[in-house]
Protein backbone atom coordinates (compact mmCIF):
# COMPACT_ATOMS: atom_id res chain seq x y z
CA MET A 1 -11.70 -5.99 38.90
CA ASP A 2 -12.72 -4.66 35.56
CA GLN A 3 -13.78 -0.95 35.03
CA ILE A 4 -17.47 -1.77 34.80
CA SER A 5 -17.53 -3.74 37.99
CA GLN A 6 -15.51 -0.98 39.69
CA LEU A 7 -17.92 1.67 38.38
CA THR A 8 -20.98 -0.36 39.38
CA ARG A 9 -19.59 -0.90 42.95
CA GLN A 10 -18.87 2.76 43.35
CA LEU A 11 -22.32 3.70 42.04
CA VAL A 12 -24.10 1.38 44.54
CA GLU A 13 -22.05 2.83 47.38
CA THR A 14 -22.72 6.44 46.38
CA PHE A 15 -26.37 5.73 45.54
CA ASN A 16 -26.90 4.28 49.04
CA ASN A 17 -25.16 7.20 50.74
CA ASN A 18 -26.88 9.81 48.82
CA ARG A 19 -30.21 8.21 49.19
CA ALA A 20 -29.89 8.07 52.87
CA ILE A 21 -28.92 11.74 52.92
CA MET A 22 -31.80 12.81 50.75
CA GLU A 23 -34.31 10.65 52.85
CA ASP A 24 -33.41 12.78 56.01
CA MET A 25 -34.12 15.96 54.09
CA THR A 26 -37.65 17.38 54.75
CA SER A 27 -38.09 19.82 51.95
CA ASP A 28 -37.93 19.41 48.18
CA LYS A 29 -35.91 22.64 48.10
CA ALA A 30 -33.11 21.02 50.10
CA LYS A 31 -33.17 17.85 47.90
CA ARG A 32 -32.97 20.08 44.68
CA ALA A 33 -29.99 21.97 46.18
CA PHE A 34 -28.32 18.73 47.06
CA VAL A 35 -28.76 17.38 43.55
CA LEU A 36 -27.47 20.58 42.09
CA LYS A 37 -24.41 20.46 44.39
CA ILE A 38 -23.64 16.92 43.13
CA LEU A 39 -23.95 17.96 39.51
CA THR A 40 -21.60 20.90 40.16
CA ASP A 41 -19.02 19.15 42.23
CA HIS A 42 -18.41 15.98 40.12
CA ASP A 43 -16.94 15.21 36.79
CA LEU A 44 -19.05 12.04 36.23
CA VAL A 45 -22.70 12.07 37.47
CA PHE A 46 -25.01 9.09 36.95
CA GLY A 47 -28.72 8.82 37.74
CA VAL A 48 -29.17 5.54 39.53
CA TRP A 49 -32.42 3.78 40.45
CA PRO A 50 -33.37 0.40 41.97
CA ASP A 51 -33.86 -2.36 39.52
CA ALA A 52 -34.40 -5.95 40.95
CA ASN A 53 -33.77 -7.36 37.49
CA LYS A 54 -30.17 -6.33 37.52
CA PRO A 55 -27.43 -8.39 39.29
CA ASP A 56 -26.40 -5.57 41.50
CA GLY A 57 -29.94 -4.33 42.12
CA ILE A 58 -29.49 -1.00 40.33
CA ASP A 59 -29.54 0.55 36.90
CA PHE A 60 -28.01 3.83 35.84
CA LEU A 61 -27.73 6.48 33.15
CA LEU A 62 -24.87 8.85 32.59
CA ILE A 63 -26.17 12.37 33.23
CA LYS A 64 -22.82 14.38 32.99
CA GLY A 65 -19.41 13.60 31.90
CA ARG A 66 -19.44 11.82 28.51
CA ALA A 67 -16.12 13.09 27.41
CA LYS A 68 -14.49 12.11 30.85
CA LEU A 69 -15.91 8.66 30.60
CA ARG A 70 -14.76 8.21 27.04
CA ASP A 71 -11.23 9.19 28.16
CA VAL A 72 -11.37 6.64 31.08
CA ILE A 73 -12.41 3.86 28.59
CA ALA A 74 -10.12 4.80 25.75
CA LEU A 75 -7.01 5.48 27.91
CA LYS A 76 -7.83 2.58 30.23
CA VAL A 77 -7.07 4.80 33.25
CA GLY A 78 -8.53 4.41 36.56
CA LEU A 79 -11.96 5.82 37.55
CA SER A 80 -11.77 9.28 39.17
CA SER A 81 -12.81 10.03 42.54
CA THR A 82 -15.29 12.55 41.18
CA ILE A 83 -17.95 10.13 40.38
CA ALA A 84 -21.35 10.59 41.97
CA ALA A 85 -24.72 8.96 41.84
CA ILE A 86 -28.10 10.85 42.08
CA PRO A 87 -30.76 8.66 43.40
CA CYS A 88 -33.69 8.55 41.04
CA ALA A 89 -37.14 6.94 41.28
CA ASN A 90 -36.71 5.33 37.79
CA ASP A 91 -35.13 5.69 34.36
CA GLU A 92 -37.58 8.53 33.40
CA THR A 93 -36.30 10.67 36.42
CA ALA A 94 -32.66 10.10 35.39
CA LEU A 95 -33.47 10.97 31.69
CA ALA A 96 -35.18 14.12 32.73
CA LEU A 97 -32.09 15.10 34.79
CA GLN A 98 -29.89 14.29 31.84
CA GLN A 99 -31.98 16.46 29.53
CA THR A 100 -32.05 19.38 31.95
CA HIS A 101 -28.59 19.23 33.57
CA GLY A 102 -26.50 16.93 31.38
CA ASP A 103 -23.80 17.56 28.96
CA LYS A 104 -24.58 19.87 26.11
CA PRO A 105 -23.40 18.77 22.55
CA HIS A 106 -20.47 20.75 22.72
CA ASP A 107 -19.33 19.22 26.07
CA ALA A 108 -19.54 15.68 24.79
């Protein structure tokens, strides 16, 4: 399995798991705390949203971990277990997370 397929498979799985967890949360405060924990606890964090036009039914945007992802691609090493997906309503939500919580220029 190539790296993109492996990444997509892992993102679909973590998207579904995290979406189920967030759907059970009743307050926005709890959801925000969960998202912040994901951002803190993982090296690679993607915003993921449903997209019926994509073969896997999702699309995604890297929020955090550009340097780590570059290393994975350049060194052709396996993907880390510290990959997470934050369920987003759409690409605009993922972009907002990237802008507020993503890598800073010196981190990239």
